[in-house]
Amino acid sequence: MHKPFSRSERVAGLLRRQLPVLLRDTIKDPRVAQCTVTDVVVSRDLSYAEVYVMSSDSSHSVELLKGLKSATGYLHRELKAQLTMRAVPELRFHYDRAADDGARIDMLLNQANAEAAAQEKHES
């Protein structure tokens, strides 16, 4: 039998759907342009939500987080107005480095494969 989703998982799903729309349609801050919400984790007591974001340009991650921090109050008010919840969790933004790490690992694997192929060719 399936375990039903917890309330925190349902709230995280709502935030995962609403935040990208708000960021795309209402935030005009250029630091937040091209921002992608990769995950939302809501605490069990629903008091805060860890929002993981990334950008197409990882070199601007600090500026992205500054822009999101300045927009936090606005985003919280908009979510409170749009969602039928008694209390909307406090938003805490974090830069998601998973894509950057994945690209770096791919590059290292390709380099190792190229070196192995060159070594094999040299031994032949």
N, C-alpha and C. Protein backbone atom coordinates (compact mmCIF):
# COMPACT_ATOMS: atom_id res chain seq x y z
N MET A 1 0.84 -1.18 0.00
CA MET A 1 0.00 0.00 0.00
C MET A 1 0.89 1.24 0.00
N HIS A 2 0.52 2.23 -0.79
CA HIS A 2 1.30 3.45 -0.91
C HIS A 2 1.14 4.33 0.32
N LYS A 3 2.25 4.91 0.72
CA LYS A 3 2.21 5.88 1.81
C LYS A 3 1.77 7.21 1.21
N PRO A 4 0.77 7.86 1.79
CA PRO A 4 0.34 9.15 1.24
C PRO A 4 1.43 10.20 1.42
N PHE A 5 1.43 11.17 0.52
CA PHE A 5 2.39 12.26 0.61
C PHE A 5 2.17 13.04 1.90
N SER A 6 3.27 13.44 2.50
CA SER A 6 3.14 14.26 3.69
C SER A 6 2.76 15.69 3.28
N ARG A 7 2.28 16.44 4.23
CA ARG A 7 1.87 17.82 3.94
C ARG A 7 3.05 18.63 3.44
N SER A 8 4.23 18.41 4.03
CA SER A 8 5.40 19.17 3.58
C SER A 8 5.75 18.86 2.13
N GLU A 9 5.55 17.63 1.69
CA GLU A 9 5.82 17.28 0.30
C GLU A 9 4.80 17.93 -0.64
N ARG A 10 3.55 18.01 -0.20
CA ARG A 10 2.52 18.67 -1.02
C ARG A 10 2.80 20.17 -1.13
N VAL A 11 3.21 20.79 -0.02
CA VAL A 11 3.54 22.22 -0.05
C VAL A 11 4.75 22.45 -0.94
N ALA A 12 5.76 21.57 -0.84
CA ALA A 12 6.94 21.69 -1.70
C ALA A 12 6.54 21.61 -3.17
N GLY A 13 5.63 20.72 -3.51
CA GLY A 13 5.15 20.62 -4.88
C GLY A 13 4.46 21.88 -5.35
N LEU A 14 3.64 22.46 -4.48
CA LEU A 14 2.98 23.74 -4.82
C LEU A 14 4.01 24.83 -5.08
N LEU A 15 4.99 24.93 -4.19
CA LEU A 15 6.02 25.96 -4.36
C LEU A 15 6.86 25.70 -5.61
N ARG A 16 7.13 24.43 -5.91
CA ARG A 16 7.90 24.07 -7.10
C ARG A 16 7.19 24.51 -8.38
N ARG A 17 5.85 24.54 -8.34
CA ARG A 17 5.08 24.96 -9.51
C ARG A 17 4.90 26.48 -9.56
N GLN A 18 4.69 27.13 -8.41
CA GLN A 18 4.38 28.56 -8.37
C GLN A 18 5.60 29.46 -8.47
N LEU A 19 6.70 29.11 -7.81
CA LEU A 19 7.86 29.99 -7.80
C LEU A 19 8.43 30.29 -9.18
N PRO A 20 8.60 29.29 -10.05
CA PRO A 20 9.13 29.62 -11.38
C PRO A 20 8.24 30.59 -12.15
N VAL A 21 6.94 30.46 -11.99
CA VAL A 21 6.01 31.37 -12.67
C VAL A 21 6.18 32.79 -12.14
N LEU A 22 6.24 32.92 -10.82
CA LEU A 22 6.45 34.25 -10.22
C LEU A 22 7.78 34.85 -10.64
N LEU A 23 8.83 34.04 -10.62
CA LEU A 23 10.16 34.54 -10.98
C LEU A 23 10.18 35.00 -12.44
N ARG A 24 9.54 34.23 -13.30
CA ARG A 24 9.55 34.55 -14.73
C ARG A 24 8.66 35.75 -15.05
N ASP A 25 7.48 35.80 -14.45
CA ASP A 25 6.48 36.79 -14.87
C ASP A 25 6.47 38.08 -14.07
N THR A 26 6.97 38.09 -12.84
CA THR A 26 6.81 39.30 -12.03
C THR A 26 8.11 39.94 -11.57
N ILE A 27 9.18 39.20 -11.49
CA ILE A 27 10.45 39.77 -11.01
C ILE A 27 11.20 40.35 -12.20
N LYS A 28 11.49 41.64 -12.11
CA LYS A 28 12.17 42.33 -13.20
C LYS A 28 13.67 42.51 -12.95
N ASP A 29 14.17 42.04 -11.82
CA ASP A 29 15.57 42.17 -11.45
C ASP A 29 16.43 41.37 -12.44
N PRO A 30 17.38 42.01 -13.14
CA PRO A 30 18.20 41.28 -14.12
C PRO A 30 19.09 40.22 -13.47
N ARG A 31 19.36 40.34 -12.18
CA ARG A 31 20.17 39.32 -11.50
C ARG A 31 19.43 37.99 -11.43
N VAL A 32 18.12 38.03 -11.51
CA VAL A 32 17.30 36.83 -11.37
C VAL A 32 16.90 36.26 -12.74
N ALA A 33 17.28 36.93 -13.81
CA ALA A 33 16.95 36.44 -15.16
C ALA A 33 17.59 35.07 -15.38
N GLN A 34 16.91 34.24 -16.11
CA GLN A 34 17.38 32.89 -16.44
C GLN A 34 17.59 32.01 -15.20
N CYS A 35 16.80 32.27 -14.17
CA CYS A 35 16.86 31.50 -12.93
C CYS A 35 15.95 30.28 -13.07
N THR A 36 16.43 29.13 -12.65
CA THR A 36 15.65 27.90 -12.70
C THR A 36 15.54 27.33 -11.30
N VAL A 37 14.33 27.01 -10.87
CA VAL A 37 14.12 26.36 -9.57
C VAL A 37 14.32 24.86 -9.80
N THR A 38 15.33 24.28 -9.15
CA THR A 38 15.62 22.87 -9.34
C THR A 38 14.96 21.98 -8.29
N ASP A 39 14.75 22.51 -7.08
CA ASP A 39 14.12 21.71 -6.04
C ASP A 39 13.62 22.61 -4.92
N VAL A 40 12.65 22.12 -4.19
CA VAL A 40 12.14 22.80 -3.00
C VAL A 40 11.96 21.73 -1.93
N VAL A 41 12.53 22.00 -0.76
CA VAL A 41 12.39 21.09 0.38
C VAL A 41 11.78 21.89 1.52
N VAL A 42 10.63 21.45 1.99
CA VAL A 42 9.90 22.15 3.05
C VAL A 42 10.10 21.40 4.36
N SER A 43 10.34 22.15 5.43
CA SER A 43 10.52 21.54 6.75
C SER A 43 9.22 20.85 7.18
N ARG A 44 9.35 19.90 8.09
CA ARG A 44 8.17 19.14 8.54
C ARG A 44 7.13 20.03 9.19
N ASP A 45 7.60 21.09 9.89
CA ASP A 45 6.64 21.98 10.55
C ASP A 45 6.16 23.11 9.63
N LEU A 46 6.56 23.06 8.37
CA LEU A 46 6.14 24.01 7.33
C LEU A 46 6.57 25.45 7.61
N SER A 47 7.58 25.64 8.44
CA SER A 47 8.00 27.00 8.78
C SER A 47 8.95 27.59 7.75
N TYR A 48 9.71 26.77 7.06
CA TYR A 48 10.61 27.29 6.04
C TYR A 48 10.72 26.32 4.87
N ALA A 49 11.13 26.89 3.73
CA ALA A 49 11.32 26.11 2.51
C ALA A 49 12.71 26.42 1.96
N GLU A 50 13.50 25.39 1.78
CA GLU A 50 14.81 25.52 1.15
C GLU A 50 14.57 25.44 -0.36
N VAL A 51 14.85 26.52 -1.07
CA VAL A 51 14.60 26.59 -2.51
C VAL A 51 15.96 26.55 -3.21
N TYR A 52 16.17 25.54 -4.04
CA TYR A 52 17.42 25.37 -4.77
C TYR A 52 17.24 25.89 -6.19
N VAL A 53 18.15 26.78 -6.59
CA VAL A 53 18.06 27.42 -7.90
C VAL A 53 19.39 27.29 -8.62
N MET A 54 19.31 27.45 -9.92
CA MET A 54 20.52 27.51 -10.73
C MET A 54 20.29 28.47 -11.88
N SER A 55 21.38 28.84 -12.51
CA SER A 55 21.32 29.78 -13.62
C SER A 55 22.15 29.23 -14.76
N SER A 56 21.88 29.70 -15.95
CA SER A 56 22.65 29.25 -17.11
C SER A 56 24.10 29.72 -17.02
N ASP A 57 24.35 30.78 -16.25
CA ASP A 57 25.70 31.30 -16.06
C ASP A 57 26.08 31.15 -14.59
N SER A 58 26.81 30.09 -14.26
CA SER A 58 27.12 29.80 -12.86
C SER A 58 28.08 30.82 -12.25
N SER A 59 28.75 31.63 -13.07
CA SER A 59 29.68 32.62 -12.53
C SER A 59 28.94 33.76 -11.83
N HIS A 60 27.64 33.86 -12.04
CA HIS A 60 26.85 34.92 -11.42
C HIS A 60 25.99 34.39 -10.27
N SER A 61 26.38 33.28 -9.67
CA SER A 61 25.56 32.67 -8.63
C SER A 61 25.40 33.57 -7.41
N VAL A 62 26.44 34.31 -7.05
CA VAL A 62 26.36 35.20 -5.88
C VAL A 62 25.35 36.32 -6.16
N GLU A 63 25.41 36.89 -7.36
CA GLU A 63 24.46 37.95 -7.71
C GLU A 63 23.03 37.41 -7.79
N LEU A 64 22.88 36.21 -8.30
CA LEU A 64 21.56 35.58 -8.37
C LEU A 64 20.97 35.46 -6.97
N LEU A 65 21.75 34.97 -6.03
CA LEU A 65 21.26 34.81 -4.66
C LEU A 65 20.95 36.15 -4.01
N LYS A 66 21.75 37.18 -4.31
CA LYS A 66 21.46 38.52 -3.78
C LYS A 66 20.13 39.03 -4.33
N GLY A 67 19.90 38.82 -5.62
CA GLY A 67 18.64 39.25 -6.24
C GLY A 67 17.45 38.51 -5.64
N LEU A 68 17.60 37.22 -5.42
CA LEU A 68 16.51 36.45 -4.84
C LEU A 68 16.26 36.86 -3.39
N LYS A 69 17.33 37.13 -2.66
CA LYS A 69 17.16 37.56 -1.27
C LYS A 69 16.40 38.88 -1.20
N SER A 70 16.70 39.79 -2.13
CA SER A 70 15.99 41.07 -2.12
C SER A 70 14.52 40.91 -2.53
N ALA A 71 14.20 39.87 -3.26
CA ALA A 71 12.83 39.64 -3.71
C ALA A 71 12.04 38.71 -2.79
N THR A 72 12.68 38.20 -1.73
CA THR A 72 12.04 37.21 -0.87
C THR A 72 10.72 37.70 -0.27
N GLY A 73 10.70 38.92 0.25
CA GLY A 73 9.48 39.45 0.85
C GLY A 73 8.34 39.54 -0.16
N TYR A 74 8.66 40.04 -1.34
CA TYR A 74 7.65 40.14 -2.40
C TYR A 74 7.13 38.75 -2.79
N LEU A 75 8.05 37.80 -2.98
CA LEU A 75 7.65 36.44 -3.36
C LEU A 75 6.76 35.82 -2.29
N HIS A 76 7.11 36.03 -1.04
CA HIS A 76 6.33 35.48 0.07
C HIS A 76 4.91 36.06 0.06
N ARG A 77 4.79 37.37 -0.13
CA ARG A 77 3.46 38.01 -0.18
C ARG A 77 2.64 37.49 -1.36
N GLU A 78 3.28 37.35 -2.52
CA GLU A 78 2.56 36.85 -3.69
C GLU A 78 2.10 35.41 -3.50
N LEU A 79 2.96 34.58 -2.92
CA LEU A 79 2.58 33.19 -2.67
C LEU A 79 1.42 33.13 -1.68
N LYS A 80 1.47 33.97 -0.66
CA LYS A 80 0.40 34.01 0.34
C LYS A 80 -0.93 34.40 -0.31
N ALA A 81 -0.88 35.31 -1.27
CA ALA A 81 -2.09 35.75 -1.96
C ALA A 81 -2.61 34.68 -2.92
N GLN A 82 -1.72 33.91 -3.53
CA GLN A 82 -2.12 32.96 -4.56
C GLN A 82 -2.48 31.58 -4.02
N LEU A 83 -1.84 31.17 -2.93
CA LEU A 83 -2.06 29.83 -2.40
C LEU A 83 -3.11 29.88 -1.29
N THR A 84 -3.87 28.84 -1.19
CA THR A 84 -4.90 28.77 -0.16
C THR A 84 -4.34 28.08 1.07
N MET A 85 -3.32 28.70 1.64
CA MET A 85 -2.68 28.15 2.83
C MET A 85 -2.76 29.18 3.95
N ARG A 86 -2.86 28.68 5.16
CA ARG A 86 -2.90 29.59 6.31
C ARG A 86 -1.56 30.30 6.47
N ALA A 87 -0.48 29.55 6.32
CA ALA A 87 0.86 30.14 6.48
C ALA A 87 1.76 29.62 5.36
N VAL A 88 2.44 30.53 4.70
CA VAL A 88 3.39 30.17 3.65
C VAL A 88 4.78 30.10 4.28
N PRO A 89 5.54 29.05 4.01
CA PRO A 89 6.87 28.91 4.62
C PRO A 89 7.80 30.07 4.24
N GLU A 90 8.72 30.37 5.14
CA GLU A 90 9.79 31.34 4.87
C GLU A 90 10.68 30.75 3.78
N LEU A 91 11.04 31.55 2.78
CA LEU A 91 11.84 31.07 1.66
C LEU A 91 13.32 31.31 1.93
N ARG A 92 14.11 30.27 1.74
CA ARG A 92 15.56 30.35 1.86
C ARG A 92 16.16 29.83 0.56
N PHE A 93 16.89 30.69 -0.13
CA PHE A 93 17.41 30.32 -1.44
C PHE A 93 18.84 29.82 -1.34
N HIS A 94 19.14 28.78 -2.14
CA HIS A 94 20.48 28.20 -2.22
C HIS A 94 20.80 27.93 -3.69
N TYR A 95 22.08 28.13 -4.05
CA TYR A 95 22.49 27.83 -5.42
C TYR A 95 22.74 26.33 -5.54
N ASP A 96 22.16 25.69 -6.53
CA ASP A 96 22.30 24.26 -6.76
C ASP A 96 23.49 24.02 -7.69
N ARG A 97 24.54 23.47 -7.16
CA ARG A 97 25.77 23.24 -7.92
C ARG A 97 25.80 21.87 -8.60
N ALA A 98 24.73 21.12 -8.54
CA ALA A 98 24.71 19.77 -9.09
C ALA A 98 25.01 19.76 -10.59
N ALA A 99 24.42 20.68 -11.35
CA ALA A 99 24.66 20.71 -12.80
C ALA A 99 26.11 21.06 -13.09
N ASP A 100 26.67 22.01 -12.33
CA ASP A 100 28.07 22.39 -12.51
C ASP A 100 28.98 21.21 -12.20
N ASP A 101 28.67 20.50 -11.10
CA ASP A 101 29.47 19.34 -10.72
C ASP A 101 29.35 18.24 -11.76
N GLY A 102 28.16 18.03 -12.29
CA GLY A 102 27.95 17.02 -13.32
C GLY A 102 28.74 17.32 -14.59
N ALA A 103 28.76 18.58 -15.00
CA ALA A 103 29.53 18.98 -16.19
C ALA A 103 31.02 18.77 -15.96
N ARG A 104 31.49 19.09 -14.75
CA ARG A 104 32.90 18.90 -14.44
C ARG A 104 33.26 17.41 -14.44
N ILE A 105 32.40 16.57 -13.90
CA ILE A 105 32.64 15.12 -13.88
C ILE A 105 32.66 14.58 -15.30
N ASP A 106 31.73 15.03 -16.14
CA ASP A 106 31.72 14.60 -17.56
C ASP A 106 33.03 14.96 -18.25
N MET A 107 33.50 16.19 -18.01
CA MET A 107 34.75 16.64 -18.62
C MET A 107 35.92 15.75 -18.15
N LEU A 108 35.97 15.45 -16.86
CA LEU A 108 37.05 14.61 -16.33
C LEU A 108 36.97 13.19 -16.89
N LEU A 109 35.77 12.64 -17.01
CA LEU A 109 35.61 11.30 -17.59
C LEU A 109 36.03 11.27 -19.06
N ASN A 110 35.64 12.30 -19.81
CA ASN A 110 36.04 12.37 -21.22
C ASN A 110 37.55 12.48 -21.34
N GLN A 111 38.16 13.28 -20.47
CA GLN A 111 39.61 13.43 -20.48
C GLN A 111 40.29 12.10 -20.14
N ALA A 112 39.78 11.39 -19.14
CA ALA A 112 40.36 10.10 -18.76
C ALA A 112 40.21 9.08 -19.88
N ASN A 113 39.06 9.07 -20.55
CA ASN A 113 38.85 8.15 -21.67
C ASN A 113 39.79 8.48 -22.82
N ALA A 114 39.99 9.76 -23.10
CA ALA A 114 40.90 10.16 -24.18
C ALA A 114 42.33 9.75 -23.84
N GLU A 115 42.74 9.93 -22.59
CA GLU A 115 44.09 9.52 -22.18
C GLU A 115 44.25 8.01 -22.26
N ALA A 116 43.22 7.26 -21.86
CA ALA A 116 43.28 5.80 -21.94
C ALA A 116 43.37 5.35 -23.39
N ALA A 117 42.62 5.98 -24.28
CA ALA A 117 42.66 5.62 -25.69
C ALA A 117 44.03 5.96 -26.29
N ALA A 118 44.59 7.10 -25.89
CA ALA A 118 45.92 7.47 -26.38
C ALA A 118 46.98 6.50 -25.87
N GLN A 119 46.86 6.10 -24.62
CA GLN A 119 47.81 5.14 -24.04
C GLN A 119 47.70 3.80 -24.74
N GLU A 120 46.46 3.35 -25.01
CA GLU A 120 46.25 2.09 -25.70
C GLU A 120 46.82 2.13 -27.11
N LYS A 121 46.63 3.25 -27.78
CA LYS A 121 47.14 3.42 -29.14
C LYS A 121 48.66 3.43 -29.12
N HIS A 122 49.24 4.06 -28.12
CA HIS A 122 50.69 4.16 -28.00
C HIS A 122 51.31 2.80 -27.72
N GLU A 123 50.61 1.92 -26.95
CA GLU A 123 51.11 0.60 -26.63
C GLU A 123 51.02 -0.34 -27.82
N SER A 124 50.14 -0.07 -28.77
CA SER A 124 49.95 -0.96 -29.91
C SER A 124 51.06 -0.83 -30.92
